[in-house]
Amino acid sequence: MSEQTVRLDSLPEPVAALLRAVHDALDIPLPGLTDADERAYTTLLARRVMEARVTLACILQDGHEVGWAAASLREQVKRGPVTYTPWTDGGGER
């Protein structure tokens, strides 16, 4: 059995943009040490996961255009930025 090798640069640009958008939506910094930072991180990550899942469902189930969906996900992410103190070598303390 021979499988075809597929790399990012061989994908259509809208598909690559979608992969980047999903990655960027879920790639948020770890929280600092406070309970408030932990709660904000958990809430933001849950929101981003939901937005990514909805975006993928719209493509896979409803036939939405991939490039438009990637741009839409990026816009959703912009409306929900990181608001907590990210972890640093100093522990994320303010």
PDB file of N, CA and C in Angstrom:
ATOM      1  N   MET A   1       0.841  -1.180   0.000  1.00  0.00           N
ATOM      2  CA  MET A   1       0.000   0.000   0.000  1.00  0.00           C
ATOM      3  C   MET A   1       0.888   1.246   0.000  1.00  0.00           C
ATOM      4  N   SER A   2       0.678   2.100  -0.969  1.00  0.00           N
ATOM      5  CA  SER A   2       1.457   3.323  -1.104  1.00  0.00           C
ATOM      6  C   SER A   2       0.552   4.519  -0.846  1.00  0.00           C
ATOM      7  N   GLU A   3       0.941   5.320   0.142  1.00  0.00           N
ATOM      8  CA  GLU A   3       0.143   6.508   0.457  1.00  0.00           C
ATOM      9  C   GLU A   3       0.801   7.737  -0.139  1.00  0.00           C
ATOM     10  N   GLN A   4      -0.024   8.633  -0.628  1.00  0.00           N
ATOM     11  CA  GLN A   4       0.463   9.879  -1.202  1.00  0.00           C
ATOM     12  C   GLN A   4       0.909  10.812  -0.081  1.00  0.00           C
ATOM     13  N   THR A   5       2.045  11.452  -0.263  1.00  0.00           N
ATOM     14  CA  THR A   5       2.527  12.440   0.695  1.00  0.00           C
ATOM     15  C   THR A   5       1.891  13.785   0.362  1.00  0.00           C
ATOM     16  N   VAL A   6       1.254  14.375   1.337  1.00  0.00           N
ATOM     17  CA  VAL A   6       0.627  15.681   1.145  1.00  0.00           C
ATOM     18  C   VAL A   6       1.247  16.644   2.150  1.00  0.00           C
ATOM     19  N   ARG A   7       1.762  17.732   1.649  1.00  0.00           N
ATOM     20  CA  ARG A   7       2.375  18.757   2.495  1.00  0.00           C
ATOM     21  C   ARG A   7       1.574  20.054   2.352  1.00  0.00           C
ATOM     22  N   LEU A   8       1.770  20.924   3.308  1.00  0.00           N
ATOM     23  CA  LEU A   8       1.019  22.175   3.330  1.00  0.00           C
ATOM     24  C   LEU A   8       1.136  22.937   2.016  1.00  0.00           C
ATOM     25  N   ASP A   9       2.350  22.997   1.454  1.00  0.00           N
ATOM     26  CA  ASP A   9       2.527  23.775   0.227  1.00  0.00           C
ATOM     27  C   ASP A   9       1.899  23.132  -1.009  1.00  0.00           C
ATOM     28  N   SER A  10       1.396  21.896  -0.868  1.00  0.00           N
ATOM     29  CA  SER A  10       0.707  21.270  -1.999  1.00  0.00           C
ATOM     30  C   SER A  10      -0.814  21.408  -1.900  1.00  0.00           C
ATOM     31  N   LEU A  11      -1.294  21.972  -0.818  1.00  0.00           N
ATOM     32  CA  LEU A  11      -2.737  22.160  -0.622  1.00  0.00           C
ATOM     33  C   LEU A  11      -3.201  23.443  -1.302  1.00  0.00           C
ATOM     34  N   PRO A  12      -4.461  23.494  -1.698  1.00  0.00           N
ATOM     35  CA  PRO A  12      -5.008  24.762  -2.191  1.00  0.00           C
ATOM     36  C   PRO A  12      -4.912  25.825  -1.088  1.00  0.00           C
ATOM     37  N   GLU A  13      -4.660  27.058  -1.462  1.00  0.00           N
ATOM     38  CA  GLU A  13      -4.460  28.131  -0.485  1.00  0.00           C
ATOM     39  C   GLU A  13      -5.611  28.261   0.513  1.00  0.00           C
ATOM     40  N   PRO A  14      -6.885  28.155   0.105  1.00  0.00           N
ATOM     41  CA  PRO A  14      -7.956  28.258   1.104  1.00  0.00           C
ATOM     42  C   PRO A  14      -7.883  27.166   2.178  1.00  0.00           C
ATOM     43  N   VAL A  15      -7.458  25.973   1.807  1.00  0.00           N
ATOM     44  CA  VAL A  15      -7.331  24.882   2.781  1.00  0.00           C
ATOM     45  C   VAL A  15      -6.176  25.170   3.738  1.00  0.00           C
ATOM     46  N   ALA A  16      -5.056  25.639   3.201  1.00  0.00           N
ATOM     47  CA  ALA A  16      -3.921  26.006   4.046  1.00  0.00           C
ATOM     48  C   ALA A  16      -4.309  27.144   4.986  1.00  0.00           C
ATOM     49  N   ALA A  17      -5.066  28.112   4.489  1.00  0.00           N
ATOM     50  CA  ALA A  17      -5.517  29.225   5.332  1.00  0.00           C
ATOM     51  C   ALA A  17      -6.422  28.730   6.454  1.00  0.00           C
ATOM     52  N   LEU A  18      -7.267  27.767   6.151  1.00  0.00           N
ATOM     53  CA  LEU A  18      -8.139  27.202   7.187  1.00  0.00           C
ATOM     54  C   LEU A  18      -7.313  26.496   8.254  1.00  0.00           C
ATOM     55  N   LEU A  19      -6.338  25.698   7.834  1.00  0.00           N
ATOM     56  CA  LEU A  19      -5.491  25.015   8.815  1.00  0.00           C
ATOM     57  C   LEU A  19      -4.762  26.016   9.707  1.00  0.00           C
ATOM     58  N   ARG A  20      -4.255  27.088   9.098  1.00  0.00           N
ATOM     59  CA  ARG A  20      -3.563  28.125   9.888  1.00  0.00           C
ATOM     60  C   ARG A  20      -4.534  28.822  10.843  1.00  0.00           C
ATOM     61  N   ALA A  21      -5.733  29.103  10.377  1.00  0.00           N
ATOM     62  CA  ALA A  21      -6.717  29.787  11.217  1.00  0.00           C
ATOM     63  C   ALA A  21      -7.118  28.929  12.416  1.00  0.00           C
ATOM     64  N   VAL A  22      -7.328  27.635  12.192  1.00  0.00           N
ATOM     65  CA  VAL A  22      -7.675  26.737  13.301  1.00  0.00           C
ATOM     66  C   VAL A  22      -6.508  26.648  14.275  1.00  0.00           C
ATOM     67  N   HIS A  23      -5.304  26.482  13.759  1.00  0.00           N
ATOM     68  CA  HIS A  23      -4.122  26.433  14.620  1.00  0.00           C
ATOM     69  C   HIS A  23      -4.008  27.699  15.461  1.00  0.00           C
ATOM     70  N   ASP A  24      -4.096  28.848  14.802  1.00  0.00           N
ATOM     71  CA  ASP A  24      -3.934  30.116  15.507  1.00  0.00           C
ATOM     72  C   ASP A  24      -5.041  30.355  16.527  1.00  0.00           C
ATOM     73  N   ALA A  25      -6.252  29.890  16.228  1.00  0.00           N
ATOM     74  CA  ALA A  25      -7.359  30.050  17.175  1.00  0.00           C
ATOM     75  C   ALA A  25      -7.102  29.263  18.450  1.00  0.00           C
ATOM     76  N   LEU A  26      -6.492  28.083  18.323  1.00  0.00           N
ATOM     77  CA  LEU A  26      -6.302  27.205  19.478  1.00  0.00           C
ATOM     78  C   LEU A  26      -4.951  27.386  20.162  1.00  0.00           C
ATOM     79  N   ASP A  27      -4.042  28.089  19.533  1.00  0.00           N
ATOM     80  CA  ASP A  27      -2.689  28.262  20.065  1.00  0.00           C
ATOM     81  C   ASP A  27      -2.633  29.512  20.944  1.00  0.00           C
ATOM     82  N   ILE A  28      -3.201  29.399  22.135  1.00  0.00           N
ATOM     83  CA  ILE A  28      -3.210  30.536  23.046  1.00  0.00           C
ATOM     84  C   ILE A  28      -2.176  30.291  24.152  1.00  0.00           C
ATOM     85  N   PRO A  29      -1.619  31.381  24.700  1.00  0.00           N
ATOM     86  CA  PRO A  29      -0.588  31.206  25.722  1.00  0.00           C
ATOM     87  C   PRO A  29      -1.158  30.628  27.023  1.00  0.00           C
ATOM     88  N   LEU A  30      -0.323  29.880  27.707  1.00  0.00           N
ATOM     89  CA  LEU A  30      -0.718  29.353  29.015  1.00  0.00           C
ATOM     90  C   LEU A  30      -0.951  30.513  29.974  1.00  0.00           C
ATOM     91  N   PRO A  31      -1.829  30.320  30.960  1.00  0.00           N
ATOM     92  CA  PRO A  31      -2.138  31.408  31.887  1.00  0.00           C
ATOM     93  C   PRO A  31      -1.078  31.563  32.969  1.00  0.00           C
ATOM     94  N   GLY A  32      -1.092  32.744  33.584  1.00  0.00           N
ATOM     95  CA  GLY A  32      -0.260  32.990  34.746  1.00  0.00           C
ATOM     96  C   GLY A  32      -0.749  32.171  35.933  1.00  0.00           C
ATOM     97  N   LEU A  33      -0.293  32.527  37.111  1.00  0.00           N
ATOM     98  CA  LEU A  33      -0.540  31.715  38.302  1.00  0.00           C
ATOM     99  C   LEU A  33      -1.849  31.997  39.024  1.00  0.00           C
ATOM    100  N   THR A  34      -2.511  33.083  38.727  1.00  0.00           N
ATOM    101  CA  THR A  34      -3.694  33.431  39.506  1.00  0.00           C
ATOM    102  C   THR A  34      -4.907  32.607  39.079  1.00  0.00           C
ATOM    103  N   ASP A  35      -5.843  32.464  40.018  1.00  0.00           N
ATOM    104  CA  ASP A  35      -7.091  31.767  39.697  1.00  0.00           C
ATOM    105  C   ASP A  35      -7.846  32.487  38.588  1.00  0.00           C
ATOM    106  N   ALA A  36      -7.818  33.814  38.615  1.00  0.00           N
ATOM    107  CA  ALA A  36      -8.518  34.590  37.589  1.00  0.00           C
ATOM    108  C   ALA A  36      -7.920  34.323  36.209  1.00  0.00           C
ATOM    109  N   ASP A  37      -6.594  34.240  36.133  1.00  0.00           N
ATOM    110  CA  ASP A  37      -5.946  33.941  34.857  1.00  0.00           C
ATOM    111  C   ASP A  37      -6.316  32.541  34.379  1.00  0.00           C
ATOM    112  N   GLU A  38      -6.351  31.584  35.291  1.00  0.00           N
ATOM    113  CA  GLU A  38      -6.735  30.205  34.937  1.00  0.00           C
ATOM    114  C   GLU A  38      -8.166  30.161  34.402  1.00  0.00           C
ATOM    115  N   ARG A  39      -9.080  30.861  35.076  1.00  0.00           N
ATOM    116  CA  ARG A  39     -10.481  30.884  34.633  1.00  0.00           C
ATOM    117  C   ARG A  39     -10.614  31.544  33.264  1.00  0.00           C
ATOM    118  N   ALA A  40      -9.921  32.662  33.076  1.00  0.00           N
ATOM    119  CA  ALA A  40      -9.994  33.367  31.791  1.00  0.00           C
ATOM    120  C   ALA A  40      -9.423  32.505  30.663  1.00  0.00           C
ATOM    121  N   TYR A  41      -8.333  31.805  30.944  1.00  0.00           N
ATOM    122  CA  TYR A  41      -7.738  30.897  29.956  1.00  0.00           C
ATOM    123  C   TYR A  41      -8.711  29.790  29.581  1.00  0.00           C
ATOM    124  N   THR A  42      -9.310  29.157  30.574  1.00  0.00           N
ATOM    125  CA  THR A  42     -10.240  28.055  30.331  1.00  0.00           C
ATOM    126  C   THR A  42     -11.443  28.531  29.525  1.00  0.00           C
ATOM    127  N   THR A  43     -11.964  29.684  29.883  1.00  0.00           N
ATOM    128  CA  THR A  43     -13.116  30.245  29.176  1.00  0.00           C
ATOM    129  C   THR A  43     -12.757  30.576  27.729  1.00  0.00           C
ATOM    130  N   LEU A  44     -11.599  31.206  27.533  1.00  0.00           N
ATOM    131  CA  LEU A  44     -11.183  31.573  26.178  1.00  0.00           C
ATOM    132  C   LEU A  44     -10.923  30.331  25.332  1.00  0.00           C
ATOM    133  N   LEU A  45     -10.241  29.339  25.900  1.00  0.00           N
ATOM    134  CA  LEU A  45      -9.952  28.123  25.137  1.00  0.00           C
ATOM    135  C   LEU A  45     -11.247  27.418  24.746  1.00  0.00           C
ATOM    136  N   ALA A  46     -12.200  27.334  25.667  1.00  0.00           N
ATOM    137  CA  ALA A  46     -13.490  26.699  25.353  1.00  0.00           C
ATOM    138  C   ALA A  46     -14.197  27.457  24.228  1.00  0.00           C
ATOM    139  N   ARG A  47     -14.142  28.781  24.276  1.00  0.00           N
ATOM    140  CA  ARG A  47     -14.769  29.592  23.219  1.00  0.00           C
ATOM    141  C   ARG A  47     -14.096  29.347  21.873  1.00  0.00           C
ATOM    142  N   ARG A  48     -12.768  29.340  21.874  1.00  0.00           N
ATOM    143  CA  ARG A  48     -12.032  29.140  20.628  1.00  0.00           C
ATOM    144  C   ARG A  48     -12.287  27.742  20.056  1.00  0.00           C
ATOM    145  N   VAL A  49     -12.349  26.728  20.918  1.00  0.00           N
ATOM    146  CA  VAL A  49     -12.645  25.372  20.458  1.00  0.00           C
ATOM    147  C   VAL A  49     -14.023  25.334  19.813  1.00  0.00           C
ATOM    148  N   MET A  50     -15.002  25.953  20.464  1.00  0.00           N
ATOM    149  CA  MET A  50     -16.358  25.984  19.919  1.00  0.00           C
ATOM    150  C   MET A  50     -16.380  26.690  18.569  1.00  0.00           C
ATOM    151  N   GLU A  51     -15.691  27.814  18.451  1.00  0.00           N
ATOM    152  CA  GLU A  51     -15.666  28.545  17.182  1.00  0.00           C
ATOM    153  C   GLU A  51     -15.007  27.716  16.078  1.00  0.00           C
ATOM    154  N   ALA A  52     -13.925  27.029  16.407  1.00  0.00           N
ATOM    155  CA  ALA A  52     -13.253  26.183  15.410  1.00  0.00           C
ATOM    156  C   ALA A  52     -14.143  25.013  15.003  1.00  0.00           C
ATOM    157  N   ARG A  53     -14.814  24.396  15.969  1.00  0.00           N
ATOM    158  CA  ARG A  53     -15.704  23.268  15.656  1.00  0.00           C
ATOM    159  C   ARG A  53     -16.864  23.713  14.775  1.00  0.00           C
ATOM    160  N   VAL A  54     -17.443  24.856  15.075  1.00  0.00           N
ATOM    161  CA  VAL A  54     -18.555  25.371  14.271  1.00  0.00           C
ATOM    162  C   VAL A  54     -18.070  25.677  12.855  1.00  0.00           C
ATOM    163  N   THR A  55     -16.893  26.278  12.744  1.00  0.00           N
ATOM    164  CA  THR A  55     -16.335  26.586  11.429  1.00  0.00           C
ATOM    165  C   THR A  55     -16.157  25.309  10.610  1.00  0.00           C
ATOM    166  N   LEU A  56     -15.568  24.289  11.223  1.00  0.00           N
ATOM    167  CA  LEU A  56     -15.366  23.025  10.509  1.00  0.00           C
ATOM    168  C   LEU A  56     -16.688  22.357  10.159  1.00  0.00           C
ATOM    169  N   ALA A  57     -17.656  22.405  11.066  1.00  0.00           N
ATOM    170  CA  ALA A  57     -18.974  21.816  10.787  1.00  0.00           C
ATOM    171  C   ALA A  57     -19.649  22.532   9.621  1.00  0.00           C
ATOM    172  N   CYS A  58     -19.502  23.845   9.565  1.00  0.00           N
ATOM    173  CA  CYS A  58     -20.102  24.601   8.461  1.00  0.00           C
ATOM    174  C   CYS A  58     -19.518  24.169   7.120  1.00  0.00           C
ATOM    175  N   ILE A  59     -18.234  23.856   7.108  1.00  0.00           N
ATOM    176  CA  ILE A  59     -17.593  23.394   5.872  1.00  0.00           C
ATOM    177  C   ILE A  59     -18.009  21.962   5.554  1.00  0.00           C
ATOM    178  N   LEU A  60     -17.872  21.095   6.544  1.00  0.00           N
ATOM    179  CA  LEU A  60     -18.080  19.663   6.311  1.00  0.00           C
ATOM    180  C   LEU A  60     -19.549  19.275   6.151  1.00  0.00           C
ATOM    181  N   GLN A  61     -20.423  19.947   6.867  1.00  0.00           N
ATOM    182  CA  GLN A  61     -21.840  19.559   6.847  1.00  0.00           C
ATOM    183  C   GLN A  61     -22.694  20.459   5.963  1.00  0.00           C
ATOM    184  N   ASP A  62     -22.346  21.734   5.910  1.00  0.00           N
ATOM    185  CA  ASP A  62     -23.188  22.684   5.196  1.00  0.00           C
ATOM    186  C   ASP A  62     -22.588  23.180   3.885  1.00  0.00           C
ATOM    187  N   GLY A  63     -21.358  22.761   3.595  1.00  0.00           N
ATOM    188  CA  GLY A  63     -20.758  23.107   2.317  1.00  0.00           C
ATOM    189  C   GLY A  63     -20.278  24.543   2.193  1.00  0.00           C
ATOM    190  N   HIS A  64     -19.980  25.203   3.310  1.00  0.00           N
ATOM    191  CA  HIS A  64     -19.482  26.581   3.221  1.00  0.00           C
ATOM    192  C   HIS A  64     -18.138  26.619   2.506  1.00  0.00           C
ATOM    193  N   GLU A  65     -17.852  27.745   1.883  1.00  0.00           N
ATOM    194  CA  GLU A  65     -16.605  27.941   1.150  1.00  0.00           C
ATOM    195  C   GLU A  65     -15.453  28.018   2.151  1.00  0.00           C
ATOM    196  N   VAL A  66     -14.383  27.287   1.897  1.00  0.00           N
ATOM    197  CA  VAL A  66     -13.283  27.129   2.851  1.00  0.00           C
ATOM    198  C   VAL A  66     -12.557  28.442   3.122  1.00  0.00           C
ATOM    199  N   GLY A  67     -12.239  29.193   2.098  1.00  0.00           N
ATOM    200  CA  GLY A  67     -11.530  30.457   2.300  1.00  0.00           C
ATOM    201  C   GLY A  67     -12.344  31.445   3.120  1.00  0.00           C
ATOM    202  N   TRP A  68     -13.629  31.547   2.827  1.00  0.00           N
ATOM    203  CA  TRP A  68     -14.504  32.435   3.591  1.00  0.00           C
ATOM    204  C   TRP A  68     -14.576  31.981   5.040  1.00  0.00           C
ATOM    205  N   ALA A  69     -14.668  30.676   5.266  1.00  0.00           N
ATOM    206  CA  ALA A  69     -14.754  30.149   6.631  1.00  0.00           C
ATOM    207  C   ALA A  69     -13.480  30.453   7.413  1.00  0.00           C
ATOM    208  N   ALA A  70     -12.324  30.344   6.773  1.00  0.00           N
ATOM    209  CA  ALA A  70     -11.058  30.661   7.438  1.00  0.00           C
ATOM    210  C   ALA A  70     -11.015  32.133   7.844  1.00  0.00           C
ATOM    211  N   ALA A  71     -11.429  33.006   6.943  1.00  0.00           N
ATOM    212  CA  ALA A  71     -11.453  34.441   7.245  1.00  0.00           C
ATOM    213  C   ALA A  71     -12.445  34.742   8.357  1.00  0.00           C
ATOM    214  N   SER A  72     -13.576  34.073   8.349  1.00  0.00           N
ATOM    215  CA  SER A  72     -14.585  34.267   9.382  1.00  0.00           C
ATOM    216  C   SER A  72     -14.058  33.837  10.746  1.00  0.00           C
ATOM    217  N   LEU A  73     -13.362  32.711  10.793  1.00  0.00           N
ATOM    218  CA  LEU A  73     -12.781  32.254  12.059  1.00  0.00           C
ATOM    219  C   LEU A  73     -11.759  33.258  12.566  1.00  0.00           C
ATOM    220  N   ARG A  74     -10.947  33.789  11.697  1.00  0.00           N
ATOM    221  CA  ARG A  74      -9.956  34.799  12.113  1.00  0.00           C
ATOM    222  C   ARG A  74     -10.644  36.035  12.698  1.00  0.00           C
ATOM    223  N   GLU A  75     -11.757  36.442  12.100  1.00  0.00           N
ATOM    224  CA  GLU A  75     -12.496  37.592  12.627  1.00  0.00           C
ATOM    225  C   GLU A  75     -13.084  37.282  14.004  1.00  0.00           C
ATOM    226  N   GLN A  76     -13.589  36.083  14.188  1.00  0.00           N
ATOM    227  CA  GLN A  76     -14.123  35.684  15.491  1.00  0.00           C
ATOM    228  C   GLN A  76     -13.030  35.714  16.551  1.00  0.00           C
ATOM    229  N   VAL A  77     -11.850  35.242  16.196  1.00  0.00           N
ATOM    230  CA  VAL A  77     -10.725  35.222  17.135  1.00  0.00           C
ATOM    231  C   VAL A  77     -10.343  36.646  17.531  1.00  0.00           C
ATOM    232  N   LYS A  78     -10.366  37.573  16.577  1.00  0.00           N
ATOM    233  CA  LYS A  78     -10.033  38.975  16.881  1.00  0.00           C
ATOM    234  C   LYS A  78     -10.998  39.576  17.904  1.00  0.00           C
ATOM    235  N   ARG A  79     -12.255  39.121  17.882  1.00  0.00           N
ATOM    236  CA  ARG A  79     -13.250  39.659  18.818  1.00  0.00           C
ATOM    237  C   ARG A  79     -13.105  39.083  20.224  1.00  0.00           C
ATOM    238  N   GLY A  80     -12.261  38.068  20.389  1.00  0.00           N
ATOM    239  CA  GLY A  80     -12.050  37.464  21.705  1.00  0.00           C
ATOM    240  C   GLY A  80     -10.572  37.290  21.996  1.00  0.00           C
ATOM    241  N   PRO A  81      -9.839  38.402  22.192  1.00  0.00           N
ATOM    242  CA  PRO A  81      -8.395  38.309  22.401  1.00  0.00           C
ATOM    243  C   PRO A  81      -8.044  37.775  23.799  1.00  0.00           C
ATOM    244  N   VAL A  82      -6.793  37.464  23.975  1.00  0.00           N
ATOM    245  CA  VAL A  82      -6.284  37.064  25.291  1.00  0.00           C
ATOM    246  C   VAL A  82      -6.361  38.285  26.205  1.00  0.00           C
ATOM    247  N   THR A  83      -7.004  38.116  27.349  1.00  0.00           N
ATOM    248  CA  THR A  83      -7.144  39.223  28.309  1.00  0.00           C
ATOM    249  C   THR A  83      -6.482  38.913  29.643  1.00  0.00           C
ATOM    250  N   TYR A  84      -5.982  37.700  29.803  1.00  0.00           N
ATOM    251  CA  TYR A  84      -5.342  37.310  31.057  1.00  0.00           C
ATOM    252  C   TYR A  84      -3.830  37.515  30.945  1.00  0.00           C
ATOM    253  N   THR A  85      -3.158  37.394  32.079  1.00  0.00           N
ATOM    254  CA  THR A  85      -1.707  37.491  32.090  1.00  0.00           C
ATOM    255  C   THR A  85      -1.124  36.145  31.688  1.00  0.00           C
ATOM    256  N   PRO A  86      -0.388  36.095  30.593  1.00  0.00           N
ATOM    257  CA  PRO A  86       0.199  34.823  30.163  1.00  0.00           C
ATOM    258  C   PRO A  86       1.340  34.383  31.092  1.00  0.00           C
ATOM    259  N   TRP A  87       1.580  33.080  31.092  1.00  0.00           N
ATOM    260  CA  TRP A  87       2.688  32.506  31.840  1.00  0.00           C
ATOM    261  C   TRP A  87       4.007  33.050  31.311  1.00  0.00           C
ATOM    262  N   THR A  88       4.908  33.351  32.205  1.00  0.00           N
ATOM    263  CA  THR A  88       6.282  33.727  31.855  1.00  0.00           C
ATOM    264  C   THR A  88       7.208  32.924  32.757  1.00  0.00           C
ATOM    265  N   ASP A  89       8.489  33.046  32.518  1.00  0.00           N
ATOM    266  CA  ASP A  89       9.445  32.368  33.384  1.00  0.00           C
ATOM    267  C   ASP A  89       9.296  32.823  34.829  1.00  0.00           C
ATOM    268  N   GLY A  90       8.760  34.021  35.015  1.00  0.00           N
ATOM    269  CA  GLY A  90       8.509  34.537  36.366  1.00  0.00           C
ATOM    270  C   GLY A  90       7.191  34.060  36.927  1.00  0.00           C
ATOM    271  N   GLY A  91       6.477  33.207  36.212  1.00  0.00           N
ATOM    272  CA  GLY A  91       5.217  32.655  36.708  1.00  0.00           C
ATOM    273  C   GLY A  91       3.993  33.420  36.284  1.00  0.00           C
ATOM    274  N   GLY A  92       4.151  34.422  35.456  1.00  0.00           N
ATOM    275  CA  GLY A  92       3.002  35.176  34.990  1.00  0.00           C
ATOM    276  C   GLY A  92       2.460  36.149  36.024  1.00  0.00           C
ATOM    277  N   GLU A  93       3.273  36.473  37.000  1.00  0.00           N
ATOM    278  CA  GLU A  93       2.830  37.409  38.027  1.00  0.00           C
ATOM    279  C   GLU A  93       2.919  38.814  37.490  1.00  0.00           C
ATOM    280  N   ARG A  94       2.005  39.652  37.942  1.00  0.00           N
ATOM    281  CA  ARG A  94       1.974  41.045  37.481  1.00  0.00           C
ATOM    282  C   ARG A  94       2.940  41.886  38.273  1.00  0.00           C
TER     283      ARG A  94
END
